[in-house]
Amino acid sequence: MITQNFCWSARAAAYILRYEINQANGSFWDGVGHYHSRTPKYKYPYIQRVYNNSLKF
């Protein structure tokens, strides 16, 4: 159901992101990184990609 419904997918992603931000003591960027991976090797490049894409808005 979630994979076929954009609204539910977006809600699920937002819920997981909020959970990860809370787990990171409110740090938005650590939460974004943890959303992808807690392994620094993968976490930091993901944070950089998200940040770079956010500059396009």
Protein backbone atom coordinates (compact mmCIF):
# COMPACT_ATOMS: atom_id res chain seq x y z
CA MET A 1 0.00 0.00 0.00
CA ILE A 2 2.67 2.52 0.98
CA THR A 3 4.78 1.91 -2.12
CA GLN A 4 1.83 2.53 -4.43
CA ASN A 5 0.46 5.65 -2.75
CA PHE A 6 2.56 8.81 -2.89
CA CYS A 7 0.76 10.48 0.02
CA TRP A 8 1.31 7.52 2.33
CA SER A 9 4.93 7.21 1.18
CA ALA A 10 5.56 10.88 1.96
CA ARG A 11 3.89 10.55 5.37
CA ALA A 12 5.94 7.46 6.21
CA ALA A 13 9.17 9.17 5.15
CA ALA A 14 8.31 12.26 7.22
CA TYR A 15 7.52 10.10 10.25
CA ILE A 16 10.82 8.23 9.98
CA LEU A 17 12.78 11.46 9.44
CA ARG A 18 11.14 13.07 12.49
CA TYR A 19 11.97 9.95 14.53
CA GLU A 20 15.62 10.11 13.45
CA ILE A 21 15.83 13.84 14.25
CA ASN A 22 14.42 13.13 17.71
CA GLN A 23 16.96 10.32 18.18
CA ALA A 24 19.72 12.78 17.22
CA ASN A 25 18.64 15.11 20.07
CA GLY A 26 16.97 17.50 17.66
CA SER A 27 19.88 17.83 15.24
CA PHE A 28 18.29 18.16 11.81
CA TRP A 29 21.38 17.20 9.80
CA ASP A 30 22.28 14.24 12.02
CA GLY A 31 18.67 13.11 11.69
CA VAL A 32 18.89 13.38 7.90
CA GLY A 33 22.10 11.34 7.96
CA HIS A 34 20.61 8.72 10.26
CA TYR A 35 17.56 8.49 7.99
CA HIS A 36 19.93 7.09 5.36
CA SER A 37 22.57 5.31 7.47
CA ARG A 38 24.27 5.57 10.84
CA THR A 39 27.56 4.54 9.26
CA PRO A 40 29.66 7.70 8.78
CA LYS A 41 30.99 6.41 5.44
CA TYR A 42 27.45 6.58 4.02
CA LYS A 43 25.87 9.15 6.31
CA TYR A 44 28.06 12.16 5.51
CA PRO A 45 27.93 11.89 1.70
CA TYR A 46 24.14 11.58 1.97
CA ILE A 47 23.93 14.69 4.14
CA GLN A 48 26.05 16.55 1.57
CA ARG A 49 23.77 15.43 -1.29
CA VAL A 50 20.63 16.48 0.58
CA TYR A 51 22.21 19.82 1.49
CA ASN A 52 23.31 20.48 -2.11
CA ASN A 53 19.83 19.60 -3.39
CA SER A 54 18.23 21.86 -0.79
CA LEU A 55 20.13 24.81 -2.24
CA LYS A 56 18.21 24.36 -5.49
CA PHE A 57 14.89 25.25 -3.85
